Amino acid sequence: MNTNRHTPQRRRRTLAPPATSTVLARMLALAAMLAVANLAVAGNGSEGLPGDWLNRFDSARGVAIGGARVALADEPLSALVNPAAAAWLERGAVQVNTTRLFADASVSSFGIALPATGRPSLAFNALSLSSGGFDRTGAESDLSLGTFDEGNMALGLAVAQPLGDRLAAGAQVKLVRQSLDEFNASGLGFDLGVIARAPGGLQVGVSAVNLGGPTLAMRMRDETYLRELRGGAALPVNGGNGLLAVDIVQRDGADTQFHVGGRFRLQALELGVGYDIDNFAAGFSYHLPNGLQLDYAMSDHELGLVHRIGLTWRFGGFSAEAKASPAVFSPTGGEPLTRFSLKAHTRADALAWHLDITNNSGVVVRTFAGQGQPPADIVWDGKDSVGRPLPDGDYTYRLRVDERGGTTLQARQGTVEIASGGLLGTIGVAR
């Protein structure tokens, strides 16, 4: 936490917000290796530097993967680390996060993202840190003279634009305000960032944060938020159901920091684990109907565990949808077919689409595919790719649409059931 250290008691009470299958095994192994390799980073004294409360703040979803998100564009708060993220957000989003720290300190955030095509995309974030109960002491005595509060606020507006199919750039202006007891100050700062997409889904991001400030003119001296250079990469794995990400951060006056983590999705549940500078973290996201998403993360800290909660609502934007009707059908009964209704709203031109149907073992039993946009609907008769009837049971389906430039849109996974013995129809009996 950035503080103005004007009393001996204040120095002792200075706090800093904590940092915030096979795929999971790889994530854990990578996190463990970085933890061992960077033991010297823990306790490097970087906490408490000007702007640390803002530089190290993260959403619950970001903390769950160790804060490795400079190459990701998946929530409004992504723009706080890399303004270019606003250019490739797939859907509009409203997001709130809250974190309870120590000694009555807490951090809350509100963000909104408005992706667009043909014009710049926007992301706005507002963050607030509040704390209280700090002892006021005399210059030469530890005698308590009461308490005082500290508060920090930051407003960020990011503007981003794709520069071709595989590169996007963005800039952000930040207004920061700090209040300490009866003193307060404000300042402006700027951030720049780019995100590039390579073949295979790999994304690489680079950002420069706190360029030319903000500088706060406090009572004893000016405090300038430290410049931060961040680079990283994110790689989708397991057909897009998993993700591995790593960031390297260099801040003025501090040692190199590492963030690493990953997530794995199991239908509506997304699990994450990560290593954030000197702390381990884990969390989950649960995707609710109507675009709602609940996030939770827990991170380790020398003062105890820190819990974060977030809620995101996604709307409009660029997305793919698939829905089966009826959801239960009988190839030998009264409902012999099911019809998949398909929709896709892409940012760039659609190159190809795939609708994969898998059994309970995760084996793809039928694939429908084509070029360009998906058709309005597809009919399935319950047979596999070579025309053999499939056994009764639940089957999952997911639509994927590949865009020009390497972007992929995936619909939410759905379930359809074959019930040959349950939908045979009825025979009327004349009386």
Protein backbone atom coordinates (compact mmCIF):
# COMPACT_ATOMS: atom_id res chain seq x y z
CA MET A 1 0.00 0.00 0.00
CA ASN A 2 1.39 3.39 -0.88
CA THR A 3 1.73 5.50 2.27
CA ASN A 4 3.10 8.87 3.32
CA ARG A 5 5.35 7.81 6.21
CA HIS A 6 5.31 10.86 8.44
CA THR A 7 5.33 9.21 11.88
CA PRO A 8 7.36 6.35 13.38
CA GLN A 9 4.15 4.50 14.32
CA ARG A 10 2.97 4.79 10.71
CA ARG A 11 6.12 3.07 9.50
CA ARG A 12 5.47 0.11 11.74
CA ARG A 13 1.84 -0.13 10.60
CA THR A 14 2.50 0.17 6.85
CA LEU A 15 0.55 -2.46 4.98
CA ALA A 16 0.64 -3.61 1.40
CA PRO A 17 -2.22 -5.44 -0.30
CA PRO A 18 -1.17 -9.00 -0.97
CA ALA A 19 -0.54 -10.01 -4.46
CA THR A 20 -2.96 -10.93 -5.49
CA SER A 21 -5.96 -34.03 -15.20
CA THR A 22 -2.58 -33.22 -17.03
CA VAL A 23 -3.19 -29.57 -17.55
CA LEU A 24 -3.57 -28.94 -13.81
CA ALA A 25 -0.46 -31.01 -13.10
CA ARG A 26 1.55 -28.89 -15.54
CA MET A 27 0.27 -25.70 -13.95
CA LEU A 28 1.23 -26.87 -10.47
CA ALA A 29 4.66 -28.03 -11.63
CA LEU A 30 5.37 -24.72 -13.37
CA ALA A 31 4.26 -22.75 -10.31
CA ALA A 32 6.46 -24.86 -8.04
CA MET A 33 9.52 -24.36 -10.24
CA LEU A 34 9.10 -20.60 -10.22
CA ALA A 35 8.58 -20.60 -6.47
CA VAL A 36 11.88 -22.39 -5.93
CA ALA A 37 13.73 -20.29 -8.48
CA ASN A 38 12.55 -17.00 -7.00
CA LEU A 39 12.79 -17.38 -3.25
CA ALA A 40 14.99 -14.31 -3.26
CA VAL A 41 12.14 -12.25 -4.67
CA ALA A 42 9.99 -12.82 -1.58
CA GLY A 43 10.77 -10.14 0.92
CA ASN A 44 12.61 -7.94 -1.60
CA GLY A 45 11.11 -4.88 0.00
CA SER A 46 9.05 -3.87 -3.01
CA GLU A 47 5.79 -3.76 -1.06
CA GLY A 48 4.83 -0.30 0.11
CA LEU A 49 6.46 1.51 -2.81
CA PRO A 50 4.47 4.37 -4.41
CA GLY A 51 1.60 2.98 -6.45
CA ASP A 52 2.05 -0.55 -5.16
CA TRP A 53 -1.59 -0.85 -4.11
CA LEU A 54 -2.68 -0.24 -7.71
CA ASN A 55 0.08 -2.14 -9.53
CA ARG A 56 -0.53 -5.29 -7.50
CA PHE A 57 -4.31 -5.22 -7.39
CA ASP A 58 -6.06 -7.88 -9.42
CA SER A 59 -9.51 -9.31 -9.92
CA ALA A 60 -10.54 -12.60 -8.35
CA ARG A 61 -10.26 -14.27 -11.75
CA GLY A 62 -6.81 -12.79 -12.33
CA VAL A 63 -5.52 -13.75 -8.90
CA ALA A 64 -6.63 -17.35 -9.49
CA ILE A 65 -3.96 -17.65 -12.22
CA GLY A 66 -1.28 -15.75 -10.32
CA GLY A 67 -1.94 -12.38 -11.96
CA ALA A 68 -0.44 -13.54 -15.27
CA ARG A 69 -2.73 -11.56 -17.57
CA VAL A 70 -0.76 -9.08 -19.69
CA ALA A 71 -1.50 -11.25 -22.75
CA LEU A 72 -5.16 -11.90 -21.88
CA ALA A 73 -8.31 -10.06 -22.89
CA ASP A 74 -11.06 -11.65 -20.83
CA GLU A 75 -12.48 -8.99 -18.47
CA PRO A 76 -12.66 -5.18 -18.10
CA LEU A 77 -9.89 -5.14 -15.49
CA SER A 78 -7.48 -6.65 -18.06
CA ALA A 79 -7.12 -3.12 -19.45
CA LEU A 80 -5.58 -1.97 -16.19
CA VAL A 81 -2.52 -4.15 -16.91
CA ASN A 82 -2.57 -3.88 -20.71
CA PRO A 83 -4.81 -1.27 -22.40
CA ALA A 84 -4.69 -3.27 -25.66
CA ALA A 85 -6.90 -5.91 -24.02
CA ALA A 86 -9.95 -3.72 -24.66
CA ALA A 87 -9.56 -4.29 -28.41
CA TRP A 88 -10.09 -8.04 -28.21
CA LEU A 89 -12.73 -8.49 -25.55
CA GLU A 90 -15.34 -10.72 -27.13
CA ARG A 91 -18.38 -9.33 -25.30
CA GLY A 92 -19.42 -6.26 -23.42
CA ALA A 93 -19.02 -6.71 -19.67
CA VAL A 94 -19.78 -5.12 -16.33
CA GLN A 95 -17.60 -6.34 -13.48
CA VAL A 96 -17.30 -5.75 -9.73
CA ASN A 97 -14.65 -7.13 -7.35
CA THR A 98 -14.02 -6.77 -3.64
CA THR A 99 -11.05 -7.80 -1.51
CA ARG A 100 -10.83 -7.72 2.26
CA LEU A 101 -7.27 -7.15 3.44
CA PHE A 102 -5.91 -6.55 6.93
CA ALA A 103 -6.39 -3.89 9.63
CA ASP A 104 -9.77 -2.83 8.20
CA ALA A 105 -8.32 -2.30 4.72
CA SER A 106 -10.26 -3.28 1.61
CA VAL A 107 -10.06 -2.77 -2.14
CA SER A 108 -13.09 -2.62 -4.43
CA SER A 109 -13.34 -2.18 -8.18
CA PHE A 110 -15.95 -1.53 -10.83
CA GLY A 111 -15.31 -1.96 -14.53
CA ILE A 112 -17.19 -1.82 -17.81
CA ALA A 113 -15.95 -2.83 -21.25
CA LEU A 114 -17.53 -1.94 -24.61
CA PRO A 115 -15.91 -3.84 -27.48
CA ALA A 116 -16.58 -2.55 -30.98
CA THR A 117 -15.79 -3.22 -34.61
CA GLY A 118 -14.88 -0.47 -37.04
CA ARG A 119 -14.10 1.94 -34.22
CA PRO A 120 -12.00 1.89 -31.01
CA SER A 121 -13.08 -0.28 -28.10
CA LEU A 122 -13.34 1.20 -24.62
CA ALA A 123 -12.77 -0.05 -21.07
CA PHE A 124 -13.36 1.97 -17.90
CA ASN A 125 -12.25 0.92 -14.42
CA ALA A 126 -12.68 2.55 -11.02
CA LEU A 127 -10.79 1.29 -7.96
CA SER A 128 -10.93 2.32 -4.35
CA LEU A 129 -8.73 1.38 -1.40
CA SER A 130 -9.79 2.36 2.09
CA SER A 131 -8.21 1.73 5.47
CA GLY A 132 -8.65 3.04 8.95
CA GLY A 133 -7.56 2.75 12.52
CA PHE A 134 -3.94 3.87 12.06
CA ASP A 135 -2.50 5.33 15.25
CA ARG A 136 -1.52 8.98 15.27
CA THR A 137 1.60 9.60 17.36
CA GLY A 138 3.85 12.48 18.20
CA ALA A 139 7.15 13.10 16.46
CA GLU A 140 9.20 11.87 19.43
CA SER A 141 6.76 9.68 21.27
CA ASP A 142 4.71 6.55 20.74
CA LEU A 143 1.86 8.03 22.75
CA SER A 144 -1.35 7.60 20.77
CA LEU A 145 -3.06 10.85 19.76
CA GLY A 146 -5.99 9.17 18.09
CA THR A 147 -6.37 7.53 14.71
CA PHE A 148 -6.49 8.58 11.08
CA ASP A 149 -7.63 7.04 7.80
CA GLU A 150 -6.05 6.59 4.39
CA GLY A 151 -7.84 6.29 1.08
CA ASN A 152 -6.74 5.77 -2.52
CA MET A 153 -8.81 6.01 -5.69
CA ALA A 154 -7.93 5.37 -9.31
CA LEU A 155 -9.96 5.92 -12.49
CA GLY A 156 -8.74 4.47 -15.77
CA LEU A 157 -10.09 4.88 -19.32
CA ALA A 158 -8.52 2.64 -21.97
CA VAL A 159 -8.94 3.04 -25.73
CA ALA A 160 -7.78 0.22 -28.00
CA GLN A 161 -7.84 -0.66 -31.68
CA PRO A 162 -6.82 -3.74 -33.72
CA LEU A 163 -3.94 -3.02 -36.11
CA GLY A 164 -4.61 -5.76 -38.61
CA ASP A 165 -5.57 -9.36 -38.00
CA ARG A 166 -3.03 -10.28 -35.32
CA LEU A 167 -2.00 -7.10 -33.52
CA ALA A 168 -3.84 -4.67 -31.27
CA ALA A 169 -2.61 -1.56 -29.45
CA GLY A 170 -4.12 0.53 -26.69
CA ALA A 171 -3.54 3.52 -24.44
CA GLN A 172 -4.96 4.41 -21.05
CA VAL A 173 -5.17 7.59 -19.03
CA LYS A 174 -5.39 7.27 -15.24
CA LEU A 175 -6.48 9.71 -12.59
CA VAL A 176 -5.25 8.81 -9.11
CA ARG A 177 -6.18 10.47 -5.84
CA GLN A 178 -4.80 9.79 -2.37
CA SER A 179 -6.04 11.09 0.97
CA LEU A 180 -4.07 10.72 4.18
CA ASP A 181 -5.54 12.21 7.31
CA GLU A 182 -6.38 15.82 6.33
CA PHE A 183 -4.04 15.84 3.32
CA ASN A 184 -4.90 14.82 -0.23
CA ALA A 185 -3.39 14.98 -3.71
CA SER A 186 -4.20 13.94 -7.27
CA GLY A 187 -2.18 13.08 -10.37
CA LEU A 188 -2.41 11.77 -13.93
CA GLY A 189 -0.57 8.86 -15.52
CA PHE A 190 -0.55 7.03 -18.83
CA ASP A 191 -0.22 3.40 -19.91
CA LEU A 192 0.55 1.82 -23.30
CA GLY A 193 0.25 -1.77 -24.44
CA VAL A 194 0.12 -4.20 -27.35
CA ILE A 195 -1.14 -7.76 -27.75
CA ALA A 196 -0.07 -9.97 -30.65
CA ARG A 197 -1.61 -13.26 -31.73
CA ALA A 198 0.55 -16.02 -33.16
CA PRO A 199 -0.55 -19.21 -34.95
CA GLY A 200 -1.79 -21.92 -32.65
CA GLY A 201 -3.65 -19.52 -30.38
CA LEU A 202 -0.55 -18.18 -28.60
CA GLN A 203 -0.94 -14.59 -27.42
CA VAL A 204 1.94 -12.32 -26.43
CA GLY A 205 1.47 -9.05 -24.57
CA VAL A 206 3.73 -6.13 -23.61
CA SER A 207 2.75 -3.06 -21.61
CA ALA A 208 4.36 0.02 -20.05
CA VAL A 209 2.49 1.34 -17.01
CA ASN A 210 2.72 4.67 -15.16
CA LEU A 211 4.46 6.61 -17.91
CA GLY A 212 5.07 10.17 -16.74
CA GLY A 213 3.25 9.68 -13.46
CA PRO A 214 0.94 9.85 -11.64
CA THR A 215 2.78 12.14 -9.24
CA LEU A 216 1.08 13.07 -5.97
CA ALA A 217 2.21 16.21 -4.12
CA MET A 218 1.82 15.12 -0.52
CA ARG A 219 2.69 17.06 2.63
CA MET A 220 6.33 16.07 3.03
CA ARG A 221 7.35 15.17 -0.53
CA ASP A 222 6.07 14.24 -3.96
CA GLU A 223 5.35 10.58 -4.61
CA THR A 224 5.53 9.25 -8.17
CA TYR A 225 4.05 5.89 -9.04
CA LEU A 226 6.79 3.59 -10.26
CA ARG A 227 7.09 2.76 -13.94
CA GLU A 228 6.41 -0.87 -14.73
CA LEU A 229 7.32 -2.90 -17.80
CA ARG A 230 5.44 -6.16 -18.20
CA GLY A 231 5.69 -8.89 -20.81
CA GLY A 232 4.02 -12.24 -20.99
CA ALA A 233 2.36 -14.97 -22.98
CA ALA A 234 -0.82 -17.05 -22.78
CA LEU A 235 -1.32 -20.39 -24.51
CA PRO A 236 -4.63 -22.27 -24.84
CA VAL A 237 -4.37 -26.03 -24.25
CA ASN A 238 -6.66 -29.05 -24.34
CA GLY A 239 -8.72 -27.74 -27.24
CA GLY A 240 -9.31 -24.37 -25.61
CA ASN A 241 -10.61 -25.81 -22.33
CA GLY A 242 -7.32 -24.99 -20.58
CA LEU A 243 -4.91 -22.06 -20.45
CA LEU A 244 -1.31 -21.54 -19.35
CA ALA A 245 0.00 -18.00 -18.77
CA VAL A 246 3.20 -16.36 -17.52
CA ASP A 247 4.21 -12.70 -16.94
CA ILE A 248 7.58 -11.12 -16.18
CA VAL A 249 7.44 -7.71 -14.50
CA GLN A 250 10.21 -5.16 -14.04
CA ARG A 251 9.48 -2.15 -11.82
CA ASP A 252 11.76 0.77 -11.08
CA GLY A 253 13.57 0.15 -7.82
CA ALA A 254 12.38 -3.44 -7.41
CA ASP A 255 13.55 -6.90 -8.37
CA THR A 256 12.12 -8.76 -11.34
CA GLN A 257 8.79 -10.37 -10.49
CA PHE A 258 7.14 -13.47 -11.95
CA HIS A 259 3.49 -14.38 -12.30
CA VAL A 260 2.49 -17.79 -13.58
CA GLY A 261 -0.67 -19.84 -13.58
CA GLY A 262 -3.37 -21.50 -15.57
CA ARG A 263 -6.98 -22.52 -15.64
CA PHE A 264 -8.97 -25.53 -16.76
CA ARG A 265 -12.65 -25.53 -17.65
CA LEU A 266 -15.11 -28.30 -16.84
CA GLN A 267 -18.42 -27.29 -18.41
CA ALA A 268 -19.68 -24.31 -16.37
CA LEU A 269 -16.88 -24.54 -13.77
CA GLU A 270 -13.41 -23.08 -14.33
CA LEU A 271 -10.57 -23.94 -11.92
CA GLY A 272 -7.41 -21.86 -11.58
CA VAL A 273 -4.08 -22.06 -9.76
CA GLY A 274 -1.10 -19.72 -9.83
CA TYR A 275 2.00 -18.23 -8.27
CA ASP A 276 2.05 -14.45 -7.78
CA ILE A 277 5.51 -13.00 -6.98
CA ASP A 278 5.88 -14.72 -3.62
CA ASN A 279 2.44 -16.18 -2.93
CA PHE A 280 0.43 -19.12 -4.17
CA ALA A 281 -3.18 -18.61 -5.24
CA ALA A 282 -6.13 -20.66 -6.38
CA GLY A 283 -9.73 -20.00 -7.29
CA PHE A 284 -12.68 -20.77 -9.50
CA SER A 285 -15.17 -19.17 -11.84
CA TYR A 286 -18.71 -20.44 -12.28
CA HIS A 287 -20.61 -19.47 -15.41
CA LEU A 288 -24.28 -18.88 -14.65
CA PRO A 289 -27.09 -18.45 -17.18
CA ASN A 290 -27.77 -15.11 -18.89
CA GLY A 291 -24.10 -14.12 -19.10
CA LEU A 292 -23.43 -14.02 -15.35
CA GLN A 293 -20.13 -15.26 -13.91
CA LEU A 294 -19.14 -15.68 -10.25
CA ASP A 295 -15.43 -15.54 -9.38
CA TYR A 296 -13.61 -16.45 -6.18
CA ALA A 297 -9.89 -16.55 -5.38
CA MET A 298 -7.76 -17.21 -2.33
CA SER A 299 -4.11 -16.21 -2.02
CA ASP A 300 -1.51 -16.87 0.61
CA HIS A 301 0.15 -14.05 2.55
CA GLU A 302 2.42 -13.82 5.57
CA LEU A 303 -0.43 -12.21 7.51
CA GLY A 304 -2.94 -14.89 6.50
CA LEU A 305 -5.20 -15.89 3.64
CA VAL A 306 -6.76 -13.20 1.48
CA HIS A 307 -10.16 -13.81 -0.14
CA ARG A 308 -11.48 -12.09 -3.26
CA ILE A 309 -14.96 -12.20 -4.76
CA GLY A 310 -16.05 -10.97 -8.17
CA LEU A 311 -19.19 -10.87 -10.29
CA THR A 312 -19.27 -10.29 -14.05
CA TRP A 313 -22.18 -9.85 -16.41
CA ARG A 314 -21.45 -10.21 -20.12
CA PHE A 315 -23.77 -8.89 -22.81
CA GLY A 316 -23.92 -8.39 -26.56
CA GLY A 317 -20.56 -8.29 -28.27
CA PHE A 318 -19.08 -11.15 -30.25
CA SER A 319 -20.21 -14.64 -29.40
CA ALA A 320 -21.28 -18.05 -30.66
CA GLU A 321 -24.41 -19.91 -29.58
CA ALA A 322 -25.74 -23.42 -30.05
CA LYS A 323 -28.95 -24.92 -28.68
CA ALA A 324 -30.50 -28.36 -29.21
CA SER A 325 -34.28 -28.79 -29.49
CA PRO A 326 -35.59 -31.10 -28.23
CA ALA A 327 -32.95 -31.69 -25.58
CA VAL A 328 -34.14 -35.32 -25.25
CA PHE A 329 -34.96 -37.31 -28.37
CA SER A 330 -35.47 -40.93 -29.44
CA PRO A 331 -34.19 -42.10 -32.84
CA THR A 332 -36.67 -45.02 -32.64
CA GLY A 333 -39.58 -43.12 -31.14
CA GLY A 334 -41.82 -40.14 -31.63
CA GLU A 335 -38.91 -37.62 -31.59
CA PRO A 336 -36.37 -39.20 -33.97
CA LEU A 337 -34.26 -36.08 -34.50
CA THR A 338 -32.87 -33.10 -32.63
CA ARG A 339 -32.20 -29.76 -34.28
CA PHE A 340 -29.20 -27.55 -33.34
CA SER A 341 -29.88 -23.85 -33.74
CA LEU A 342 -26.56 -22.07 -34.45
CA LYS A 343 -25.64 -18.39 -34.23
CA ALA A 344 -22.34 -16.53 -34.47
CA HIS A 345 -21.57 -12.83 -34.31
CA THR A 346 -17.92 -12.46 -35.24
CA ARG A 347 -15.65 -9.41 -35.15
CA ALA A 348 -13.71 -10.44 -38.28
CA ASP A 349 -14.74 -12.65 -41.18
CA ALA A 350 -15.61 -16.22 -40.16
CA LEU A 351 -13.27 -18.73 -41.77
CA ALA A 352 -14.73 -22.02 -40.52
CA TRP A 353 -17.07 -23.55 -37.97
CA HIS A 354 -17.20 -26.87 -36.09
CA LEU A 355 -19.93 -28.44 -34.00
CA ASP A 356 -18.46 -31.33 -31.99
CA ILE A 357 -20.63 -33.88 -30.18
CA THR A 358 -18.88 -35.95 -27.49
CA ASN A 359 -19.90 -38.85 -25.28
CA ASN A 360 -19.46 -39.17 -21.52
CA SER A 361 -15.86 -40.37 -22.02
CA GLY A 362 -14.94 -37.17 -23.86
CA VAL A 363 -14.67 -38.91 -27.25
CA VAL A 364 -15.95 -36.96 -30.24
CA VAL A 365 -18.62 -39.16 -31.85
CA ARG A 366 -19.89 -36.76 -34.50
CA THR A 367 -18.59 -33.53 -36.04
CA PHE A 368 -20.40 -31.12 -38.30
CA ALA A 369 -18.16 -28.54 -39.99
CA GLY A 370 -18.02 -26.07 -42.82
CA GLN A 371 -16.52 -22.86 -44.15
CA GLY A 372 -17.60 -19.33 -43.30
CA GLN A 373 -20.51 -18.65 -40.96
CA PRO A 374 -22.39 -21.64 -39.48
CA PRO A 375 -25.84 -22.44 -40.91
CA ALA A 376 -28.96 -21.47 -39.00
CA ASP A 377 -29.59 -25.06 -37.92
CA ILE A 378 -28.36 -28.65 -38.24
CA VAL A 379 -30.32 -31.86 -37.74
CA TRP A 380 -28.81 -34.86 -35.92
CA ASP A 381 -30.30 -38.35 -35.98
CA GLY A 382 -28.30 -39.80 -33.09
CA LYS A 383 -25.74 -41.60 -35.25
CA ASP A 384 -21.94 -41.39 -35.20
CA SER A 385 -19.67 -40.23 -38.03
CA VAL A 386 -19.95 -43.55 -39.91
CA GLY A 387 -23.72 -43.88 -39.55
CA ARG A 388 -23.94 -46.26 -36.59
CA PRO A 389 -26.67 -45.65 -33.99
CA LEU A 390 -25.26 -44.41 -30.71
CA PRO A 391 -26.28 -45.85 -27.33
CA ASP A 392 -28.66 -44.08 -25.00
CA GLY A 393 -27.14 -41.48 -22.71
CA ASP A 394 -26.07 -37.86 -22.39
CA TYR A 395 -23.95 -36.21 -25.07
CA THR A 396 -22.35 -32.78 -24.95
CA TYR A 397 -22.03 -30.39 -27.87
CA ARG A 398 -20.11 -27.18 -28.48
CA LEU A 399 -19.93 -24.81 -31.44
CA ARG A 400 -16.58 -23.29 -32.39
CA VAL A 401 -16.13 -20.52 -34.97
CA ASP A 402 -12.68 -19.57 -36.28
CA GLU A 403 -12.22 -15.95 -37.35
CA ARG A 404 -9.72 -14.41 -39.72
CA GLY A 405 -6.68 -13.42 -37.69
CA GLY A 406 -6.64 -16.42 -35.36
CA THR A 407 -9.51 -15.56 -33.03
CA THR A 408 -11.81 -18.41 -31.99
CA LEU A 409 -15.30 -18.02 -30.55
CA GLN A 410 -16.70 -20.90 -28.52
CA ALA A 411 -20.30 -21.32 -27.50
CA ARG A 412 -21.24 -22.57 -24.07
CA GLN A 413 -21.27 -26.33 -23.88
CA GLY A 414 -24.72 -27.90 -24.02
CA THR A 415 -26.16 -31.35 -23.30
CA VAL A 416 -28.51 -33.48 -25.36
CA GLU A 417 -29.86 -36.91 -24.42
CA ILE A 418 -30.63 -39.98 -26.53
CA ALA A 419 -33.43 -41.98 -24.85
CA SER A 420 -34.57 -44.71 -27.22
CA GLY A 421 -36.54 -46.50 -24.50
CA GLY A 422 -38.17 -43.43 -23.03
CA LEU A 423 -39.78 -41.67 -25.98
CA LEU A 424 -41.52 -44.46 -27.90
CA GLY A 425 -44.82 -42.65 -28.03
CA THR A 426 -48.23 -43.89 -26.87
CA ILE A 427 -50.93 -46.08 -28.36
CA GLY A 428 -54.49 -44.97 -27.91
CA VAL A 429 -57.04 -47.55 -26.78
CA ALA A 430 -60.55 -47.18 -28.17
CA ARG A 431 -63.38 -47.52 -25.67
